[in-house]
Every structure is written in structure tokens, then in C-alpha cells.
């Protein structure tokens, strides 16, 4: 029997990393949409 944790762990880490990236992307997109770019140089 293959150890489930050793097989699933890389996929879990990749999934968490992708989720963080997508969450940050949507947060930045929403922030740009709501905020007026006044303090951009």
C-alpha cells in the first residue's frame, strides 16, 4: 500500500499555493477597481 500522505502532500501544497495566488489576484483586482489611482506616480 502506498503511503497516502506522501502522495497527496505535493498536490495539497500546490493547491494551497494556487489558492493564495488566486485570492491575492482577485484582492488586487478589486482594490484597483474600487480605489481611484490618485497616489500613483
PDB file of N, CA and C in Angstrom:
ATOM      1  N   UNK A   1       0.848  -1.203   0.000  1.00  0.00           N
ATOM      2  CA  UNK A   1       0.000   0.000   0.000  1.00  0.00           C
ATOM      3  C   UNK A   1       0.881   1.248   0.000  1.00  0.00           C
ATOM      4  N   UNK A   2       0.548   2.179  -0.883  1.00  0.00           N
ATOM      5  CA  UNK A   2       1.309   3.420  -0.965  1.00  0.00           C
ATOM      6  C   UNK A   2       0.869   4.345   0.167  1.00  0.00           C
ATOM      7  N   UNK A   3       1.855   5.031   0.751  1.00  0.00           N
ATOM      8  CA  UNK A   3       1.536   5.986   1.809  1.00  0.00           C
ATOM      9  C   UNK A   3       0.767   7.161   1.201  1.00  0.00           C
ATOM     10  N   UNK A   4      -0.446   7.347   1.679  1.00  0.00           N
ATOM     11  CA  UNK A   4      -1.330   8.360   1.085  1.00  0.00           C
ATOM     12  C   UNK A   4      -0.770   9.767   1.280  1.00  0.00           C
ATOM     13  N   UNK A   5      -0.195  10.020   2.465  1.00  0.00           N
ATOM     14  CA  UNK A   5       0.265  11.368   2.788  1.00  0.00           C
ATOM     15  C   UNK A   5       1.412  11.797   1.875  1.00  0.00           C
ATOM     16  N   UNK A   6       2.344  10.866   1.625  1.00  0.00           N
ATOM     17  CA  UNK A   6       3.498  11.213   0.798  1.00  0.00           C
ATOM     18  C   UNK A   6       3.095  11.467  -0.651  1.00  0.00           C
ATOM     19  N   UNK A   7       1.970  10.866  -1.073  1.00  0.00           N
ATOM     20  CA  UNK A   7       1.483  11.082  -2.438  1.00  0.00           C
ATOM     21  C   UNK A   7       0.661  12.365  -2.516  1.00  0.00           C
ATOM     22  N   UNK A   8      -0.150  12.605  -1.499  1.00  0.00           N
ATOM     23  CA  UNK A   8      -1.096  13.726  -1.556  1.00  0.00           C
ATOM     24  C   UNK A   8      -0.470  15.052  -1.158  1.00  0.00           C
ATOM     25  N   UNK A   9       0.609  15.019  -0.374  1.00  0.00           N
ATOM     26  CA  UNK A   9       1.188  16.251   0.162  1.00  0.00           C
ATOM     27  C   UNK A   9       1.612  17.244  -0.916  1.00  0.00           C
ATOM     28  N   UNK A  10       2.325  16.829  -1.973  1.00  0.00           N
ATOM     29  CA  UNK A  10       2.687  17.803  -3.019  1.00  0.00           C
ATOM     30  C   UNK A  10       1.469  18.461  -3.672  1.00  0.00           C
ATOM     31  N   UNK A  11       0.426  17.690  -3.908  1.00  0.00           N
ATOM     32  CA  UNK A  11      -0.789  18.250  -4.514  1.00  0.00           C
ATOM     33  C   UNK A  11      -1.463  19.240  -3.575  1.00  0.00           C
ATOM     34  N   UNK A  12      -1.432  18.931  -2.262  1.00  0.00           N
ATOM     35  CA  UNK A  12      -2.023  19.847  -1.275  1.00  0.00           C
ATOM     36  C   UNK A  12      -1.252  21.162  -1.254  1.00  0.00           C
ATOM     37  N   UNK A  13       0.096  21.068  -1.276  1.00  0.00           N
ATOM     38  CA  UNK A  13       0.930  22.270  -1.247  1.00  0.00           C
ATOM     39  C   UNK A  13       0.693  23.116  -2.499  1.00  0.00           C
ATOM     40  N   UNK A  14       0.630  22.459  -3.663  1.00  0.00           N
ATOM     41  CA  UNK A  14       0.374  23.174  -4.918  1.00  0.00           C
ATOM     42  C   UNK A  14      -1.006  23.818  -4.882  1.00  0.00           C
ATOM     43  N   UNK A  15      -1.994  23.102  -4.380  1.00  0.00           N
ATOM     44  CA  UNK A  15      -3.348  23.640  -4.304  1.00  0.00           C
ATOM     45  C   UNK A  15      -3.431  24.864  -3.406  1.00  0.00           C
ATOM     46  N   UNK A  16      -2.741  24.818  -2.256  1.00  0.00           N
ATOM     47  CA  UNK A  16      -2.742  25.957  -1.342  1.00  0.00           C
ATOM     48  C   UNK A  16      -2.040  27.152  -1.994  1.00  0.00           C
ATOM     49  N   UNK A  17      -0.924  26.895  -2.680  1.00  0.00           N
ATOM     50  CA  UNK A  17      -0.189  27.982  -3.337  1.00  0.00           C
ATOM     51  C   UNK A  17      -1.039  28.636  -4.420  1.00  0.00           C
ATOM     52  N   UNK A  18      -1.730  27.822  -5.212  1.00  0.00           N
ATOM     53  CA  UNK A  18      -2.600  28.354  -6.272  1.00  0.00           C
ATOM     54  C   UNK A  18      -3.748  29.154  -5.657  1.00  0.00           C
ATOM     55  N   UNK A  19      -4.327  28.639  -4.569  1.00  0.00           N
ATOM     56  CA  UNK A  19      -5.433  29.343  -3.920  1.00  0.00           C
ATOM     57  C   UNK A  19      -4.990  30.707  -3.406  1.00  0.00           C
ATOM     58  N   UNK A  20      -3.780  30.768  -2.817  1.00  0.00           N
ATOM     59  CA  UNK A  20      -3.256  32.045  -2.307  1.00  0.00           C
ATOM     60  C   UNK A  20      -3.019  33.019  -3.458  1.00  0.00           C
ATOM     61  N   UNK A  21      -2.475  32.513  -4.570  1.00  0.00           N
ATOM     62  CA  UNK A  21      -2.229  33.371  -5.725  1.00  0.00           C
ATOM     63  C   UNK A  21      -3.530  33.918  -6.295  1.00  0.00           C
ATOM     64  N   UNK A  22      -4.525  33.055  -6.439  1.00  0.00           N
ATOM     65  CA  UNK A  22      -5.814  33.493  -6.995  1.00  0.00           C
ATOM     66  C   UNK A  22      -6.481  34.497  -6.060  1.00  0.00           C
ATOM     67  N   UNK A  23      -6.418  34.233  -4.748  1.00  0.00           N
ATOM     68  CA  UNK A  23      -7.018  35.137  -3.767  1.00  0.00           C
ATOM     69  C   UNK A  23      -6.347  36.507  -3.812  1.00  0.00           C
ATOM     70  N   UNK A  24      -5.020  36.518  -3.871  1.00  0.00           N
ATOM     71  CA  UNK A  24      -4.292  37.777  -3.947  1.00  0.00           C
ATOM     72  C   UNK A  24      -4.582  38.525  -5.242  1.00  0.00           C
ATOM     73  N   UNK A  25      -4.737  37.771  -6.338  1.00  0.00           N
ATOM     74  CA  UNK A  25      -5.033  38.394  -7.633  1.00  0.00           C
ATOM     75  C   UNK A  25      -6.396  39.077  -7.606  1.00  0.00           C
ATOM     76  N   UNK A  26      -7.403  38.385  -7.069  1.00  0.00           N
ATOM     77  CA  UNK A  26      -8.740  38.973  -7.005  1.00  0.00           C
ATOM     78  C   UNK A  26      -8.782  40.148  -6.039  1.00  0.00           C
ATOM     79  N   UNK A  27      -8.019  40.047  -4.943  1.00  0.00           N
ATOM     80  CA  UNK A  27      -7.965  41.144  -3.978  1.00  0.00           C
ATOM     81  C   UNK A  27      -7.366  42.393  -4.622  1.00  0.00           C
ATOM     82  N   UNK A  28      -6.283  42.212  -5.376  1.00  0.00           N
ATOM     83  CA  UNK A  28      -5.632  43.336  -6.039  1.00  0.00           C
ATOM     84  C   UNK A  28      -6.534  43.915  -7.128  1.00  0.00           C
ATOM     85  N   UNK A  29      -7.235  43.029  -7.849  1.00  0.00           N
ATOM     86  CA  UNK A  29      -8.133  43.478  -8.920  1.00  0.00           C
ATOM     87  C   UNK A  29      -9.282  44.305  -8.332  1.00  0.00           C
ATOM     88  N   UNK A  30      -9.851  43.820  -7.231  1.00  0.00           N
ATOM     89  CA  UNK A  30     -10.960  44.533  -6.591  1.00  0.00           C
ATOM     90  C   UNK A  30     -10.480  45.871  -6.018  1.00  0.00           C
ATOM     91  N   UNK A  31      -9.261  45.868  -5.476  1.00  0.00           N
ATOM     92  CA  UNK A  31      -8.710  47.081  -4.898  1.00  0.00           C
ATOM     93  C   UNK A  31      -8.492  48.137  -5.974  1.00  0.00           C
ATOM     94  N   UNK A  32      -8.013  47.709  -7.153  1.00  0.00           N
ATOM     95  CA  UNK A  32      -7.807  48.640  -8.255  1.00  0.00           C
ATOM     96  C   UNK A  32      -9.140  49.176  -8.764  1.00  0.00           C
ATOM     97  N   UNK A  33     -10.178  48.324  -8.711  1.00  0.00           N
ATOM     98  CA  UNK A  33     -11.478  48.728  -9.242  1.00  0.00           C
ATOM     99  C   UNK A  33     -12.158  49.728  -8.304  1.00  0.00           C
ATOM    100  N   UNK A  34     -12.041  49.523  -6.998  1.00  0.00           N
ATOM    101  CA  UNK A  34     -12.747  50.373  -6.049  1.00  0.00           C
ATOM    102  C   UNK A  34     -11.972  51.657  -5.784  1.00  0.00           C
ATOM    103  N   UNK A  35     -10.638  51.554  -5.701  1.00  0.00           N
ATOM    104  CA  UNK A  35      -9.827  52.719  -5.367  1.00  0.00           C
ATOM    105  C   UNK A  35      -9.490  53.513  -6.615  1.00  0.00           C
ATOM    106  N   UNK A  36      -9.512  54.827  -6.467  1.00  0.00           N
ATOM    107  CA  UNK A  36      -9.088  55.683  -7.564  1.00  0.00           C
ATOM    108  C   UNK A  36      -7.572  55.845  -7.512  1.00  0.00           C
ATOM    109  N   UNK A  37      -6.884  55.644  -8.637  1.00  0.00           N
ATOM    110  CA  UNK A  37      -5.408  55.723  -8.638  1.00  0.00           C
ATOM    111  C   UNK A  37      -4.911  57.157  -8.524  1.00  0.00           C
ATOM    112  N   UNK A  38      -5.079  57.750  -7.349  1.00  0.00           N
ATOM    113  CA  UNK A  38      -4.638  59.125  -7.126  1.00  0.00           C
ATOM    114  C   UNK A  38      -3.167  59.177  -6.737  1.00  0.00           C
ATOM    115  N   UNK A  39      -2.744  58.213  -5.920  1.00  0.00           N
ATOM    116  CA  UNK A  39      -1.380  58.262  -5.403  1.00  0.00           C
ATOM    117  C   UNK A  39      -0.402  57.444  -6.244  1.00  0.00           C
ATOM    118  N   UNK A  40      -0.746  57.218  -7.521  1.00  0.00           N
ATOM    119  CA  UNK A  40       0.192  56.530  -8.410  1.00  0.00           C
ATOM    120  C   UNK A  40       1.138  57.552  -9.017  1.00  0.00           C
ATOM    121  N   UNK A  41       2.410  57.176  -9.092  1.00  0.00           N
ATOM    122  CA  UNK A  41       3.400  58.113  -9.641  1.00  0.00           C
ATOM    123  C   UNK A  41       3.925  57.589 -10.959  1.00  0.00           C
TER     124      UNK A  41
END
